[in-house]
Amino acid sequence: MFILYPLLMGVLIGLLTGGSPAALGRLHLRWAGLAVGGLATQVLVFSTPFGDVIGGLAPIVYIASTLASLLFVLANVRLPGLVLVAAGAASNLLAIVANGGYMPATAAALAAVGHQIGAGYSNSTTAATVALAPLTDIFALPRQLPMANVFSFGDVLIGAGVFVLVLVAMRRPRTGGAPERSAAAPD
């Protein structure tokens, strides 16, 4: 849920600087189905009993859904900010793969947001030995914020990229119409 905050900040600053939310609807996103499918799969695996039902396949499904999201980003990397999103998504995928289909979180970060790892499959885990520890969930949003959660350096890059994308997209002039005529003096 960390990504929600940069998204909202991008929209708010976009509005305050004269941008149009309608411009976001004009973004041409390739392979959007990959992003929707990846996100829907993660919601299903982490927010329903489905992750427990598929058991040992859950980490593989998590990796596949994260890879699908990265492929969507790479297909759209020409858009402003998506190079940052791609770097963050690749960082997260690398950490997840290196840790067997889990994103390790530090006990301190989990405690800061008041979360505990419960029974069943979760995208977060704690472990005595963590591969690529600096790329894992080592940060935490303040507990007082709605939807406070732990996040990684990759999430910071994704958030920065989403912020840039939203802000630039909202500020872009509409294209495709007839050019405006200037009020220049006749020749």
N, C-alpha and C. Protein backbone atom coordinates (compact mmCIF):
# COMPACT_ATOMS: atom_id res chain seq x y z
N MET A 1 0.80 -1.20 0.00
CA MET A 1 0.00 0.00 0.00
C MET A 1 0.85 1.27 0.00
N PHE A 2 2.16 1.11 0.13
CA PHE A 2 3.05 2.25 0.11
C PHE A 2 2.86 3.07 -1.16
N ILE A 3 2.62 2.39 -2.28
CA ILE A 3 2.52 3.04 -3.59
C ILE A 3 1.33 4.00 -3.65
N LEU A 4 0.32 3.76 -2.83
CA LEU A 4 -0.85 4.63 -2.82
C LEU A 4 -0.48 6.07 -2.48
N TYR A 5 0.46 6.26 -1.57
CA TYR A 5 0.83 7.61 -1.15
C TYR A 5 1.50 8.42 -2.26
N PRO A 6 2.50 7.88 -2.96
CA PRO A 6 3.07 8.66 -4.08
C PRO A 6 2.05 8.92 -5.19
N LEU A 7 1.15 7.96 -5.41
CA LEU A 7 0.11 8.13 -6.41
C LEU A 7 -0.79 9.31 -6.05
N LEU A 8 -1.25 9.33 -4.80
CA LEU A 8 -2.11 10.43 -4.35
C LEU A 8 -1.38 11.77 -4.35
N MET A 9 -0.10 11.75 -3.95
CA MET A 9 0.69 12.99 -3.98
C MET A 9 0.86 13.50 -5.40
N GLY A 10 1.08 12.59 -6.34
CA GLY A 10 1.19 12.99 -7.74
C GLY A 10 -0.07 13.64 -8.25
N VAL A 11 -1.22 13.05 -7.91
CA VAL A 11 -2.51 13.61 -8.34
C VAL A 11 -2.73 14.98 -7.68
N LEU A 12 -2.47 15.07 -6.39
CA LEU A 12 -2.68 16.33 -5.67
C LEU A 12 -1.78 17.44 -6.22
N ILE A 13 -0.50 17.16 -6.37
CA ILE A 13 0.41 18.18 -6.91
C ILE A 13 0.07 18.48 -8.36
N GLY A 14 -0.33 17.46 -9.10
CA GLY A 14 -0.77 17.68 -10.47
C GLY A 14 -1.94 18.64 -10.54
N LEU A 15 -2.91 18.46 -9.66
CA LEU A 15 -4.07 19.35 -9.62
C LEU A 15 -3.67 20.77 -9.20
N LEU A 16 -2.81 20.86 -8.17
CA LEU A 16 -2.40 22.17 -7.68
C LEU A 16 -1.56 22.96 -8.68
N THR A 17 -0.97 22.26 -9.63
CA THR A 17 -0.15 22.93 -10.64
C THR A 17 -0.88 23.03 -11.99
N GLY A 18 -2.19 22.85 -11.96
CA GLY A 18 -2.99 23.04 -13.17
C GLY A 18 -3.15 21.83 -14.05
N GLY A 19 -2.77 20.67 -13.56
CA GLY A 19 -2.91 19.45 -14.36
C GLY A 19 -4.34 18.95 -14.38
N SER A 20 -4.58 18.03 -15.28
CA SER A 20 -5.92 17.48 -15.45
C SER A 20 -5.92 15.99 -15.17
N PRO A 21 -6.79 15.53 -14.26
CA PRO A 21 -6.89 14.09 -14.02
C PRO A 21 -7.36 13.33 -15.26
N ALA A 22 -8.10 14.02 -16.13
CA ALA A 22 -8.56 13.37 -17.37
C ALA A 22 -7.38 12.95 -18.24
N ALA A 23 -6.27 13.65 -18.11
CA ALA A 23 -5.08 13.31 -18.90
C ALA A 23 -4.56 11.92 -18.54
N LEU A 24 -4.80 11.48 -17.33
CA LEU A 24 -4.36 10.13 -16.95
C LEU A 24 -5.08 9.07 -17.77
N GLY A 25 -6.31 9.36 -18.13
CA GLY A 25 -7.07 8.43 -18.97
C GLY A 25 -6.56 8.35 -20.39
N ARG A 26 -5.75 9.30 -20.79
CA ARG A 26 -5.19 9.30 -22.14
C ARG A 26 -3.85 8.59 -22.23
N LEU A 27 -3.35 8.10 -21.10
CA LEU A 27 -2.10 7.34 -21.14
C LEU A 27 -2.33 6.06 -21.96
N HIS A 28 -1.44 5.79 -22.86
CA HIS A 28 -1.54 4.56 -23.65
C HIS A 28 -0.63 3.51 -22.99
N LEU A 29 -1.25 2.56 -22.31
CA LEU A 29 -0.51 1.52 -21.60
C LEU A 29 -0.60 0.22 -22.37
N ARG A 30 0.55 -0.32 -22.72
CA ARG A 30 0.60 -1.59 -23.42
C ARG A 30 0.56 -2.73 -22.40
N TRP A 31 -0.03 -3.82 -22.78
CA TRP A 31 -0.08 -5.05 -21.99
C TRP A 31 -0.69 -4.83 -20.61
N ALA A 32 -1.70 -4.00 -20.54
CA ALA A 32 -2.34 -3.68 -19.26
C ALA A 32 -2.89 -4.93 -18.57
N GLY A 33 -3.26 -5.92 -19.35
CA GLY A 33 -3.77 -7.16 -18.77
C GLY A 33 -2.76 -7.84 -17.85
N LEU A 34 -1.48 -7.70 -18.17
CA LEU A 34 -0.45 -8.28 -17.30
C LEU A 34 -0.47 -7.62 -15.92
N ALA A 35 -0.60 -6.30 -15.91
CA ALA A 35 -0.62 -5.59 -14.63
C ALA A 35 -1.87 -5.95 -13.83
N VAL A 36 -3.01 -5.96 -14.49
CA VAL A 36 -4.26 -6.29 -13.81
C VAL A 36 -4.21 -7.74 -13.31
N GLY A 37 -3.74 -8.63 -14.16
CA GLY A 37 -3.65 -10.04 -13.77
C GLY A 37 -2.67 -10.25 -12.62
N GLY A 38 -1.52 -9.59 -12.68
CA GLY A 38 -0.52 -9.72 -11.61
C GLY A 38 -1.05 -9.21 -10.29
N LEU A 39 -1.68 -8.04 -10.33
CA LEU A 39 -2.22 -7.46 -9.10
C LEU A 39 -3.38 -8.30 -8.55
N ALA A 40 -4.28 -8.72 -9.43
CA ALA A 40 -5.42 -9.54 -8.99
C ALA A 40 -4.94 -10.86 -8.38
N THR A 41 -3.92 -11.44 -8.98
CA THR A 41 -3.37 -12.69 -8.46
C THR A 41 -2.80 -12.48 -7.06
N GLN A 42 -2.07 -11.38 -6.87
CA GLN A 42 -1.49 -11.12 -5.55
C GLN A 42 -2.58 -10.85 -4.51
N VAL A 43 -3.61 -10.13 -4.89
CA VAL A 43 -4.73 -9.91 -3.95
C VAL A 43 -5.35 -11.26 -3.58
N LEU A 44 -5.55 -12.11 -4.56
CA LEU A 44 -6.14 -13.43 -4.32
C LEU A 44 -5.26 -14.28 -3.40
N VAL A 45 -3.95 -14.28 -3.67
CA VAL A 45 -3.03 -15.11 -2.89
C VAL A 45 -2.85 -14.60 -1.46
N PHE A 46 -2.82 -13.28 -1.29
CA PHE A 46 -2.51 -12.73 0.03
C PHE A 46 -3.72 -12.30 0.85
N SER A 47 -4.86 -12.13 0.23
CA SER A 47 -6.03 -11.62 0.94
C SER A 47 -7.17 -12.61 1.05
N THR A 48 -6.98 -13.80 0.56
CA THR A 48 -8.02 -14.83 0.62
C THR A 48 -7.35 -16.14 1.04
N PRO A 49 -8.13 -17.15 1.31
CA PRO A 49 -7.56 -18.47 1.64
C PRO A 49 -6.86 -19.15 0.46
N PHE A 50 -6.92 -18.56 -0.73
CA PHE A 50 -6.34 -19.19 -1.92
C PHE A 50 -4.86 -19.51 -1.74
N GLY A 51 -4.10 -18.61 -1.11
CA GLY A 51 -2.68 -18.86 -0.89
C GLY A 51 -2.45 -20.14 -0.07
N ASP A 52 -3.30 -20.37 0.92
CA ASP A 52 -3.18 -21.59 1.72
C ASP A 52 -3.61 -22.82 0.92
N VAL A 53 -4.63 -22.65 0.09
CA VAL A 53 -5.14 -23.77 -0.70
C VAL A 53 -4.07 -24.28 -1.67
N ILE A 54 -3.34 -23.37 -2.28
CA ILE A 54 -2.32 -23.80 -3.25
C ILE A 54 -1.00 -24.16 -2.58
N GLY A 55 -0.89 -23.87 -1.29
CA GLY A 55 0.25 -24.32 -0.48
C GLY A 55 1.60 -23.96 -1.06
N GLY A 56 2.39 -24.98 -1.35
CA GLY A 56 3.76 -24.80 -1.85
C GLY A 56 3.86 -24.10 -3.18
N LEU A 57 2.76 -24.00 -3.90
CA LEU A 57 2.78 -23.27 -5.17
C LEU A 57 2.67 -21.76 -4.98
N ALA A 58 2.25 -21.32 -3.79
CA ALA A 58 2.04 -19.89 -3.55
C ALA A 58 3.29 -19.05 -3.83
N PRO A 59 4.48 -19.45 -3.39
CA PRO A 59 5.65 -18.65 -3.72
C PRO A 59 5.92 -18.55 -5.22
N ILE A 60 5.64 -19.63 -5.94
CA ILE A 60 5.83 -19.62 -7.40
C ILE A 60 4.82 -18.67 -8.05
N VAL A 61 3.59 -18.72 -7.56
CA VAL A 61 2.55 -17.82 -8.08
C VAL A 61 2.92 -16.36 -7.79
N TYR A 62 3.46 -16.11 -6.60
CA TYR A 62 3.90 -14.75 -6.24
C TYR A 62 5.00 -14.28 -7.18
N ILE A 63 5.97 -15.12 -7.42
CA ILE A 63 7.07 -14.75 -8.34
C ILE A 63 6.51 -14.50 -9.73
N ALA A 64 5.63 -15.38 -10.22
CA ALA A 64 5.07 -15.22 -11.57
C ALA A 64 4.26 -13.93 -11.68
N SER A 65 3.47 -13.61 -10.65
CA SER A 65 2.66 -12.39 -10.71
C SER A 65 3.55 -11.14 -10.65
N THR A 66 4.63 -11.21 -9.89
CA THR A 66 5.57 -10.08 -9.82
C THR A 66 6.29 -9.93 -11.16
N LEU A 67 6.65 -11.03 -11.78
CA LEU A 67 7.28 -10.99 -13.10
C LEU A 67 6.32 -10.41 -14.13
N ALA A 68 5.05 -10.79 -14.07
CA ALA A 68 4.05 -10.24 -15.00
C ALA A 68 3.97 -8.73 -14.85
N SER A 69 3.98 -8.24 -13.63
CA SER A 69 3.94 -6.79 -13.40
C SER A 69 5.19 -6.11 -13.96
N LEU A 70 6.35 -6.73 -13.78
CA LEU A 70 7.59 -6.17 -14.33
C LEU A 70 7.53 -6.13 -15.86
N LEU A 71 7.02 -7.17 -16.48
CA LEU A 71 6.91 -7.19 -17.95
C LEU A 71 5.98 -6.08 -18.44
N PHE A 72 4.89 -5.83 -17.72
CA PHE A 72 4.01 -4.71 -18.07
C PHE A 72 4.77 -3.40 -18.02
N VAL A 73 5.54 -3.20 -16.96
CA VAL A 73 6.30 -1.95 -16.81
C VAL A 73 7.32 -1.83 -17.94
N LEU A 74 8.02 -2.90 -18.26
CA LEU A 74 9.02 -2.86 -19.33
C LEU A 74 8.38 -2.56 -20.68
N ALA A 75 7.16 -3.04 -20.89
CA ALA A 75 6.46 -2.75 -22.15
C ALA A 75 6.09 -1.28 -22.27
N ASN A 76 6.09 -0.58 -21.14
CA ASN A 76 5.69 0.84 -21.12
C ASN A 76 6.82 1.76 -20.66
N VAL A 77 8.03 1.27 -20.67
CA VAL A 77 9.16 2.00 -20.08
C VAL A 77 9.44 3.34 -20.78
N ARG A 78 8.87 3.55 -21.93
CA ARG A 78 9.04 4.82 -22.65
C ARG A 78 8.31 5.97 -21.94
N LEU A 79 7.38 5.65 -21.07
CA LEU A 79 6.61 6.67 -20.36
C LEU A 79 7.46 7.28 -19.24
N PRO A 80 7.25 8.56 -18.95
CA PRO A 80 8.03 9.21 -17.90
C PRO A 80 7.88 8.49 -16.56
N GLY A 81 9.00 8.29 -15.89
CA GLY A 81 9.00 7.68 -14.57
C GLY A 81 9.07 6.17 -14.56
N LEU A 82 8.77 5.53 -15.69
CA LEU A 82 8.70 4.07 -15.65
C LEU A 82 10.06 3.39 -15.63
N VAL A 83 11.12 4.11 -15.93
CA VAL A 83 12.46 3.54 -15.75
C VAL A 83 12.68 3.31 -14.25
N LEU A 84 12.24 4.27 -13.43
CA LEU A 84 12.33 4.09 -11.98
C LEU A 84 11.45 2.93 -11.51
N VAL A 85 10.24 2.86 -12.04
CA VAL A 85 9.34 1.77 -11.66
C VAL A 85 9.96 0.42 -12.05
N ALA A 86 10.55 0.35 -13.23
CA ALA A 86 11.18 -0.90 -13.69
C ALA A 86 12.34 -1.28 -12.77
N ALA A 87 13.16 -0.32 -12.39
CA ALA A 87 14.28 -0.61 -11.49
C ALA A 87 13.77 -1.11 -10.14
N GLY A 88 12.73 -0.48 -9.62
CA GLY A 88 12.16 -0.91 -8.35
C GLY A 88 11.52 -2.27 -8.43
N ALA A 89 10.78 -2.52 -9.50
CA ALA A 89 10.12 -3.82 -9.67
C ALA A 89 11.16 -4.93 -9.84
N ALA A 90 12.23 -4.64 -10.58
CA ALA A 90 13.30 -5.64 -10.75
C ALA A 90 13.99 -5.91 -9.41
N SER A 91 14.21 -4.86 -8.63
CA SER A 91 14.82 -5.02 -7.31
C SER A 91 13.95 -5.90 -6.42
N ASN A 92 12.66 -5.63 -6.41
CA ASN A 92 11.75 -6.44 -5.60
C ASN A 92 11.71 -7.89 -6.07
N LEU A 93 11.64 -8.08 -7.38
CA LEU A 93 11.60 -9.44 -7.93
C LEU A 93 12.88 -10.19 -7.56
N LEU A 94 14.01 -9.52 -7.65
CA LEU A 94 15.29 -10.14 -7.31
C LEU A 94 15.29 -10.58 -5.84
N ALA A 95 14.82 -9.72 -4.95
CA ALA A 95 14.77 -10.07 -3.53
C ALA A 95 13.81 -11.22 -3.26
N ILE A 96 12.67 -11.21 -3.94
CA ILE A 96 11.67 -12.27 -3.75
C ILE A 96 12.21 -13.61 -4.23
N VAL A 97 12.82 -13.62 -5.41
CA VAL A 97 13.38 -14.87 -5.96
C VAL A 97 14.52 -15.37 -5.06
N ALA A 98 15.39 -14.46 -4.65
CA ALA A 98 16.54 -14.85 -3.82
C ALA A 98 16.11 -15.41 -2.47
N ASN A 99 14.90 -15.09 -2.05
CA ASN A 99 14.41 -15.56 -0.75
C ASN A 99 13.28 -16.58 -0.88
N GLY A 100 13.29 -17.30 -1.99
CA GLY A 100 12.40 -18.44 -2.16
C GLY A 100 10.93 -18.12 -2.30
N GLY A 101 10.59 -16.95 -2.85
CA GLY A 101 9.20 -16.60 -3.08
C GLY A 101 8.57 -15.82 -1.94
N TYR A 102 9.41 -15.24 -1.11
CA TYR A 102 8.96 -14.40 0.00
C TYR A 102 9.73 -13.08 -0.04
N MET A 103 9.10 -12.03 0.48
CA MET A 103 9.80 -10.76 0.66
C MET A 103 10.07 -10.63 2.16
N PRO A 104 11.31 -10.88 2.57
CA PRO A 104 11.61 -10.74 4.00
C PRO A 104 11.39 -9.31 4.49
N ALA A 105 10.92 -9.22 5.72
CA ALA A 105 10.73 -7.94 6.40
C ALA A 105 11.47 -8.02 7.73
N THR A 106 12.08 -6.93 8.10
CA THR A 106 12.75 -6.94 9.40
C THR A 106 11.71 -6.92 10.51
N ALA A 107 12.07 -7.52 11.63
CA ALA A 107 11.18 -7.53 12.78
C ALA A 107 10.90 -6.10 13.24
N ALA A 108 11.92 -5.24 13.15
CA ALA A 108 11.75 -3.84 13.57
C ALA A 108 10.74 -3.12 12.67
N ALA A 109 10.81 -3.35 11.37
CA ALA A 109 9.86 -2.70 10.45
C ALA A 109 8.45 -3.21 10.72
N LEU A 110 8.30 -4.50 10.91
CA LEU A 110 6.97 -5.06 11.20
C LEU A 110 6.42 -4.52 12.51
N ALA A 111 7.29 -4.42 13.52
CA ALA A 111 6.85 -3.89 14.82
C ALA A 111 6.45 -2.42 14.70
N ALA A 112 7.15 -1.68 13.85
CA ALA A 112 6.85 -0.25 13.69
C ALA A 112 5.45 -0.01 13.16
N VAL A 113 4.95 -0.94 12.35
CA VAL A 113 3.59 -0.78 11.81
C VAL A 113 2.57 -1.63 12.58
N GLY A 114 3.05 -2.38 13.57
CA GLY A 114 2.14 -3.19 14.37
C GLY A 114 1.68 -4.45 13.69
N HIS A 115 2.46 -4.96 12.75
CA HIS A 115 2.09 -6.18 12.04
C HIS A 115 2.86 -7.36 12.62
N GLN A 116 2.21 -8.50 12.57
CA GLN A 116 2.86 -9.75 12.90
C GLN A 116 2.59 -10.71 11.76
N ILE A 117 3.54 -11.57 11.49
CA ILE A 117 3.35 -12.59 10.46
C ILE A 117 2.42 -13.64 11.05
N GLY A 118 1.28 -13.82 10.42
CA GLY A 118 0.31 -14.79 10.90
C GLY A 118 0.50 -16.14 10.23
N ALA A 119 -0.42 -17.02 10.51
CA ALA A 119 -0.42 -18.33 9.88
C ALA A 119 -0.82 -18.18 8.42
N GLY A 120 -0.39 -19.09 7.61
CA GLY A 120 -0.74 -19.05 6.19
C GLY A 120 0.30 -18.30 5.38
N TYR A 121 0.16 -18.38 4.07
CA TYR A 121 1.13 -17.75 3.17
C TYR A 121 0.96 -16.24 3.19
N SER A 122 2.07 -15.56 3.28
CA SER A 122 2.10 -14.10 3.26
C SER A 122 3.25 -13.68 2.37
N ASN A 123 3.13 -12.50 1.77
CA ASN A 123 4.24 -12.02 0.96
C ASN A 123 5.41 -11.60 1.84
N SER A 124 5.16 -11.34 3.11
CA SER A 124 6.22 -10.98 4.04
C SER A 124 6.59 -12.17 4.91
N THR A 125 7.85 -12.20 5.29
CA THR A 125 8.33 -13.22 6.21
C THR A 125 9.50 -12.65 6.99
N THR A 126 9.80 -13.25 8.09
CA THR A 126 11.03 -12.92 8.80
C THR A 126 11.89 -14.17 8.76
N ALA A 127 13.19 -13.97 8.75
CA ALA A 127 14.11 -15.11 8.67
C ALA A 127 15.42 -14.72 9.32
N ALA A 128 16.11 -15.74 9.85
CA ALA A 128 17.42 -15.50 10.46
C ALA A 128 18.44 -15.14 9.38
N THR A 129 18.31 -15.78 8.24
CA THR A 129 19.24 -15.52 7.13
C THR A 129 18.42 -14.98 5.96
N VAL A 130 18.79 -13.79 5.51
CA VAL A 130 18.07 -13.13 4.42
C VAL A 130 19.04 -12.84 3.29
N ALA A 131 18.69 -13.28 2.10
CA ALA A 131 19.49 -12.95 0.92
C ALA A 131 19.12 -11.54 0.45
N LEU A 132 20.12 -10.78 0.06
CA LEU A 132 19.93 -9.42 -0.47
C LEU A 132 19.14 -8.54 0.50
N ALA A 133 19.50 -8.61 1.76
CA ALA A 133 18.77 -7.91 2.83
C ALA A 133 18.51 -6.43 2.53
N PRO A 134 19.43 -5.67 1.94
CA PRO A 134 19.13 -4.25 1.69
C PRO A 134 17.98 -4.03 0.70
N LEU A 135 17.61 -5.06 -0.06
CA LEU A 135 16.53 -4.93 -1.03
C LEU A 135 15.18 -5.37 -0.48
N THR A 136 15.14 -5.81 0.75
CA THR A 136 13.91 -6.35 1.33
C THR A 136 13.14 -5.27 2.09
N ASP A 137 12.05 -5.63 2.71
CA ASP A 137 11.20 -4.69 3.43
C ASP A 137 11.85 -4.28 4.76
N ILE A 138 12.64 -3.23 4.68
CA ILE A 138 13.37 -2.77 5.86
C ILE A 138 12.85 -1.43 6.38
N PHE A 139 11.90 -0.84 5.67
CA PHE A 139 11.32 0.45 6.05
C PHE A 139 9.87 0.24 6.46
N ALA A 140 9.34 1.23 7.19
CA ALA A 140 7.94 1.15 7.62
C ALA A 140 7.30 2.53 7.56
N LEU A 141 6.07 2.57 7.09
CA LEU A 141 5.28 3.79 7.18
C LEU A 141 4.88 3.99 8.64
N PRO A 142 4.73 5.21 9.08
CA PRO A 142 4.29 5.42 10.47
C PRO A 142 2.96 4.73 10.73
N ARG A 143 2.87 4.11 11.86
CA ARG A 143 1.67 3.35 12.25
C ARG A 143 0.41 4.19 12.19
N GLN A 144 0.54 5.50 12.40
CA GLN A 144 -0.62 6.39 12.43
C GLN A 144 -1.25 6.59 11.05
N LEU A 145 -0.52 6.30 9.99
CA LEU A 145 -1.07 6.47 8.65
C LEU A 145 -2.02 5.34 8.31
N PRO A 146 -3.07 5.65 7.56
CA PRO A 146 -3.95 4.57 7.09
C PRO A 146 -3.15 3.60 6.22
N MET A 147 -3.42 2.33 6.35
CA MET A 147 -2.78 1.28 5.57
C MET A 147 -1.26 1.27 5.75
N ALA A 148 -0.78 1.61 6.94
CA ALA A 148 0.66 1.57 7.21
C ALA A 148 1.17 0.16 6.95
N ASN A 149 2.33 0.08 6.34
CA ASN A 149 2.89 -1.21 6.01
C ASN A 149 4.40 -1.08 5.89
N VAL A 150 5.07 -2.21 5.74
CA VAL A 150 6.50 -2.22 5.51
C VAL A 150 6.76 -2.07 4.01
N PHE A 151 7.95 -1.58 3.68
CA PHE A 151 8.28 -1.41 2.26
C PHE A 151 9.78 -1.49 2.05
N SER A 152 10.16 -1.65 0.79
CA SER A 152 11.56 -1.85 0.41
C SER A 152 12.09 -0.65 -0.38
N PHE A 153 13.39 -0.69 -0.63
CA PHE A 153 14.00 0.32 -1.49
C PHE A 153 13.38 0.25 -2.89
N GLY A 154 13.08 -0.96 -3.36
CA GLY A 154 12.41 -1.12 -4.65
C GLY A 154 11.06 -0.42 -4.67
N ASP A 155 10.33 -0.50 -3.56
CA ASP A 155 9.04 0.18 -3.45
C ASP A 155 9.23 1.70 -3.51
N VAL A 156 10.31 2.20 -2.93
CA VAL A 156 10.60 3.64 -2.99
C VAL A 156 10.81 4.05 -4.45
N LEU A 157 11.57 3.26 -5.19
CA LEU A 157 11.78 3.57 -6.61
C LEU A 157 10.47 3.50 -7.39
N ILE A 158 9.67 2.49 -7.11
CA ILE A 158 8.37 2.37 -7.78
C ILE A 158 7.51 3.59 -7.45
N GLY A 159 7.46 3.96 -6.18
CA GLY A 159 6.68 5.13 -5.77
C GLY A 159 7.15 6.40 -6.45
N ALA A 160 8.47 6.60 -6.53
CA ALA A 160 9.00 7.79 -7.19
C ALA A 160 8.62 7.80 -8.67
N GLY A 161 8.71 6.64 -9.31
CA GLY A 161 8.34 6.55 -10.72
C GLY A 161 6.86 6.80 -10.96
N VAL A 162 6.02 6.25 -10.09
CA VAL A 162 4.57 6.48 -10.21
C VAL A 162 4.26 7.96 -10.02
N PHE A 163 4.90 8.59 -9.04
CA PHE A 163 4.72 10.02 -8.81
C PHE A 163 5.07 10.82 -10.07
N VAL A 164 6.22 10.53 -10.66
CA VAL A 164 6.65 11.23 -11.88
C VAL A 164 5.67 10.98 -13.01
N LEU A 165 5.28 9.74 -13.21
CA LEU A 165 4.34 9.40 -14.29
C LEU A 165 3.04 10.19 -14.15
N VAL A 166 2.46 10.17 -12.97
CA VAL A 166 1.18 10.84 -12.74
C VAL A 166 1.33 12.35 -12.94
N LEU A 167 2.35 12.92 -12.36
CA LEU A 167 2.55 14.36 -12.45
C LEU A 167 2.77 14.81 -13.89
N VAL A 168 3.65 14.13 -14.60
CA VAL A 168 3.94 14.50 -15.99
C VAL A 168 2.71 14.28 -16.87
N ALA A 169 2.04 13.15 -16.68
CA ALA A 169 0.86 12.86 -17.50
C ALA A 169 -0.24 13.89 -17.29
N MET A 170 -0.44 14.30 -16.05
CA MET A 170 -1.49 15.29 -15.76
C MET A 170 -1.15 16.66 -16.33
N ARG A 171 0.11 16.96 -16.50
CA ARG A 171 0.54 18.28 -16.96
C ARG A 171 0.71 18.34 -18.47
N ARG A 172 0.67 17.20 -19.14
CA ARG A 172 0.84 17.19 -20.59
C ARG A 172 -0.36 17.80 -21.28
N PRO A 173 -0.08 18.64 -22.30
CA PRO A 173 -1.21 19.18 -23.05
C PRO A 173 -1.85 18.08 -23.90
N ARG A 174 -3.11 18.24 -24.16
CA ARG A 174 -3.83 17.30 -25.01
C ARG A 174 -3.29 17.41 -26.43
N THR A 175 -3.11 16.27 -27.08
CA THR A 175 -2.61 16.27 -28.45
C THR A 175 -3.64 15.68 -29.38
N GLY A 176 -3.44 15.86 -30.65
CA GLY A 176 -4.31 15.26 -31.64
C GLY A 176 -5.34 16.20 -32.23
N GLY A 177 -5.53 17.34 -31.64
CA GLY A 177 -6.50 18.30 -32.16
C GLY A 177 -5.84 19.24 -33.14
N ALA A 178 -6.64 20.11 -33.73
CA ALA A 178 -6.09 21.12 -34.63
C ALA A 178 -5.27 22.10 -33.84
N PRO A 179 -4.16 22.56 -34.41
CA PRO A 179 -3.33 23.53 -33.69
C PRO A 179 -4.09 24.83 -33.50
N GLU A 180 -3.81 25.48 -32.37
CA GLU A 180 -4.46 26.75 -32.11
C GLU A 180 -3.87 27.82 -33.03
N ARG A 181 -4.73 28.72 -33.48
CA ARG A 181 -4.25 29.81 -34.32
C ARG A 181 -3.83 30.95 -33.41
N SER A 182 -2.73 31.58 -33.79
CA SER A 182 -2.25 32.69 -32.97
C SER A 182 -2.93 33.97 -33.45
N ALA A 183 -2.92 34.95 -32.59
CA ALA A 183 -3.52 36.24 -32.93
C ALA A 183 -2.45 37.18 -33.49
N ALA A 184 -1.58 36.65 -34.32
CA ALA A 184 -0.51 37.47 -34.88
C ALA A 184 -1.08 38.44 -35.90
N ALA A 185 -0.36 39.49 -36.10
CA ALA A 185 -0.77 40.51 -37.09
C ALA A 185 -0.71 39.93 -38.48
N PRO A 186 -1.64 40.31 -39.36
CA PRO A 186 -1.62 39.80 -40.74
C PRO A 186 -0.38 40.28 -41.47
N ASP A 187 0.05 39.48 -42.44
CA ASP A 187 1.24 39.84 -43.26
C ASP A 187 0.96 40.94 -44.22
